[in-house]
Amino acid sequence: MGDDGIHTPPTSAGVLRLILDALDEAKAEDIRQLDVRKLTDITDFMVIASGTSHRHVHAMAERVREAAHQKQL
C-alpha cells in the first residue's frame, strides 16, 4: 500500500523482479525470463527455472508464493 492507504498495483517489471529474486534465493537453476508482451495479452513475462529434484522445485514454487503473499499480490 502507498502512504495514503491506497493499494497501488505493482508493475509487471516489479513482479518479475520479485519472482527472479525469490527463485535466486531458492537456488533455482537455469532461470530464464521471456518477454511475451507482443505475443499475448494474458501476461507480460514468463519465467522458467529448473531444480535439482522434485523437492527442490516444490521449495522454489513455495518461495515464490511466499514472496508474492508478503507483497500482497
C-alpha atoms as a PDB file:
ATOM      1  CA  MET A   1       0.000   0.000   0.000  1.00  0.00           C
ATOM      2  CA  GLY A   2       1.032   3.535  -0.591  1.00  0.00           C
ATOM      3  CA  ASP A   3       1.476   6.144   2.135  1.00  0.00           C
ATOM      4  CA  ASP A   4      -2.130   7.243   1.675  1.00  0.00           C
ATOM      5  CA  GLY A   5      -3.501   3.743   2.381  1.00  0.00           C
ATOM      6  CA  ILE A   6      -4.444   3.122  -1.247  1.00  0.00           C
ATOM      7  CA  HIS A   7      -3.246  -0.151  -2.771  1.00  0.00           C
ATOM      8  CA  THR A   8      -1.137   0.574  -5.840  1.00  0.00           C
ATOM      9  CA  PRO A   9      -0.886  -2.360  -8.246  1.00  0.00           C
ATOM     10  CA  PRO A  10       2.690  -3.455  -8.907  1.00  0.00           C
ATOM     11  CA  THR A  11       4.220  -3.099 -12.338  1.00  0.00           C
ATOM     12  CA  SER A  12       4.882  -6.249 -14.338  1.00  0.00           C
ATOM     13  CA  ALA A  13       8.617  -5.470 -14.091  1.00  0.00           C
ATOM     14  CA  GLY A  14       8.273  -5.291 -10.292  1.00  0.00           C
ATOM     15  CA  VAL A  15       6.526  -8.653 -10.137  1.00  0.00           C
ATOM     16  CA  LEU A  16       9.153 -10.124 -12.460  1.00  0.00           C
ATOM     17  CA  ARG A  17      11.946  -8.857 -10.150  1.00  0.00           C
ATOM     18  CA  LEU A  18      10.154 -10.356  -7.133  1.00  0.00           C
ATOM     19  CA  ILE A  19       9.914 -13.748  -8.846  1.00  0.00           C
ATOM     20  CA  LEU A  20      13.503 -13.709 -10.088  1.00  0.00           C
ATOM     21  CA  ASP A  21      14.805 -12.754  -6.618  1.00  0.00           C
ATOM     22  CA  ALA A  22      12.738 -15.478  -4.933  1.00  0.00           C
ATOM     23  CA  LEU A  23      13.990 -18.108  -7.395  1.00  0.00           C
ATOM     24  CA  ASP A  24      17.569 -16.952  -6.922  1.00  0.00           C
ATOM     25  CA  GLU A  25      17.198 -17.212  -3.127  1.00  0.00           C
ATOM     26  CA  ALA A  26      15.830 -20.739  -3.599  1.00  0.00           C
ATOM     27  CA  LYS A  27      18.928 -21.599  -5.677  1.00  0.00           C
ATOM     28  CA  ALA A  28      16.937 -22.274  -8.843  1.00  0.00           C
ATOM     29  CA  GLU A  29      18.990 -23.289 -11.851  1.00  0.00           C
ATOM     30  CA  ASP A  30      18.779 -22.121 -15.464  1.00  0.00           C
ATOM     31  CA  ILE A  31      16.425 -19.216 -14.719  1.00  0.00           C
ATOM     32  CA  ARG A  32      15.051 -17.730 -17.933  1.00  0.00           C
ATOM     33  CA  GLN A  33      12.658 -14.853 -18.440  1.00  0.00           C
ATOM     34  CA  LEU A  34      10.686 -14.492 -21.628  1.00  0.00           C
ATOM     35  CA  ASP A  35       9.131 -11.205 -22.722  1.00  0.00           C
ATOM     36  CA  VAL A  36       5.816 -12.227 -24.281  1.00  0.00           C
ATOM     37  CA  ARG A  37       4.089  -8.818 -24.359  1.00  0.00           C
ATOM     38  CA  LYS A  38       3.964  -8.863 -28.159  1.00  0.00           C
ATOM     39  CA  LEU A  39       2.632 -12.429 -28.231  1.00  0.00           C
ATOM     40  CA  THR A  40      -0.250 -12.389 -25.748  1.00  0.00           C
ATOM     41  CA  ASP A  41      -2.459 -10.068 -23.720  1.00  0.00           C
ATOM     42  CA  ILE A  42      -2.638 -12.520 -20.808  1.00  0.00           C
ATOM     43  CA  THR A  43       0.795 -11.791 -19.335  1.00  0.00           C
ATOM     44  CA  ASP A  44       3.894  -9.714 -19.957  1.00  0.00           C
ATOM     45  CA  PHE A  45       6.566 -12.206 -18.911  1.00  0.00           C
ATOM     46  CA  MET A  46       7.028 -15.934 -18.454  1.00  0.00           C
ATOM     47  CA  VAL A  47       9.662 -17.326 -16.105  1.00  0.00           C
ATOM     48  CA  ILE A  48      11.144 -20.795 -16.462  1.00  0.00           C
ATOM     49  CA  ALA A  49      13.551 -22.351 -13.972  1.00  0.00           C
ATOM     50  CA  SER A  50      14.973 -25.775 -13.179  1.00  0.00           C
ATOM     51  CA  GLY A  51      15.599 -27.530  -9.900  1.00  0.00           C
ATOM     52  CA  THR A  52      17.697 -30.497  -8.861  1.00  0.00           C
ATOM     53  CA  SER A  53      14.788 -32.621  -7.593  1.00  0.00           C
ATOM     54  CA  HIS A  54      11.030 -32.660  -7.125  1.00  0.00           C
ATOM     55  CA  ARG A  55      11.524 -31.414  -3.566  1.00  0.00           C
ATOM     56  CA  HIS A  56      13.736 -28.561  -4.788  1.00  0.00           C
ATOM     57  CA  VAL A  57      11.209 -27.463  -7.425  1.00  0.00           C
ATOM     58  CA  HIS A  58       8.433 -27.581  -4.821  1.00  0.00           C
ATOM     59  CA  ALA A  59      10.523 -25.401  -2.472  1.00  0.00           C
ATOM     60  CA  MET A  60      11.184 -22.932  -5.306  1.00  0.00           C
ATOM     61  CA  ALA A  61       7.462 -22.607  -6.019  1.00  0.00           C
ATOM     62  CA  GLU A  62       6.729 -22.160  -2.323  1.00  0.00           C
ATOM     63  CA  ARG A  63       9.383 -19.426  -2.069  1.00  0.00           C
ATOM     64  CA  VAL A  64       7.736 -17.539  -4.948  1.00  0.00           C
ATOM     65  CA  ARG A  65       4.282 -17.946  -3.347  1.00  0.00           C
ATOM     66  CA  GLU A  66       5.583 -16.654  -0.003  1.00  0.00           C
ATOM     67  CA  ALA A  67       7.274 -13.638  -1.619  1.00  0.00           C
ATOM     68  CA  ALA A  68       4.080 -12.767  -3.507  1.00  0.00           C
ATOM     69  CA  HIS A  69       1.995 -13.184  -0.347  1.00  0.00           C
ATOM     70  CA  GLN A  70       4.315 -10.859   1.594  1.00  0.00           C
ATOM     71  CA  LYS A  71       3.781  -8.194  -1.078  1.00  0.00           C
ATOM     72  CA  GLN A  72       0.030  -8.887  -1.017  1.00  0.00           C
ATOM     73  CA  LEU A  73      -0.060  -9.995  -4.660  1.00  0.00           C
END
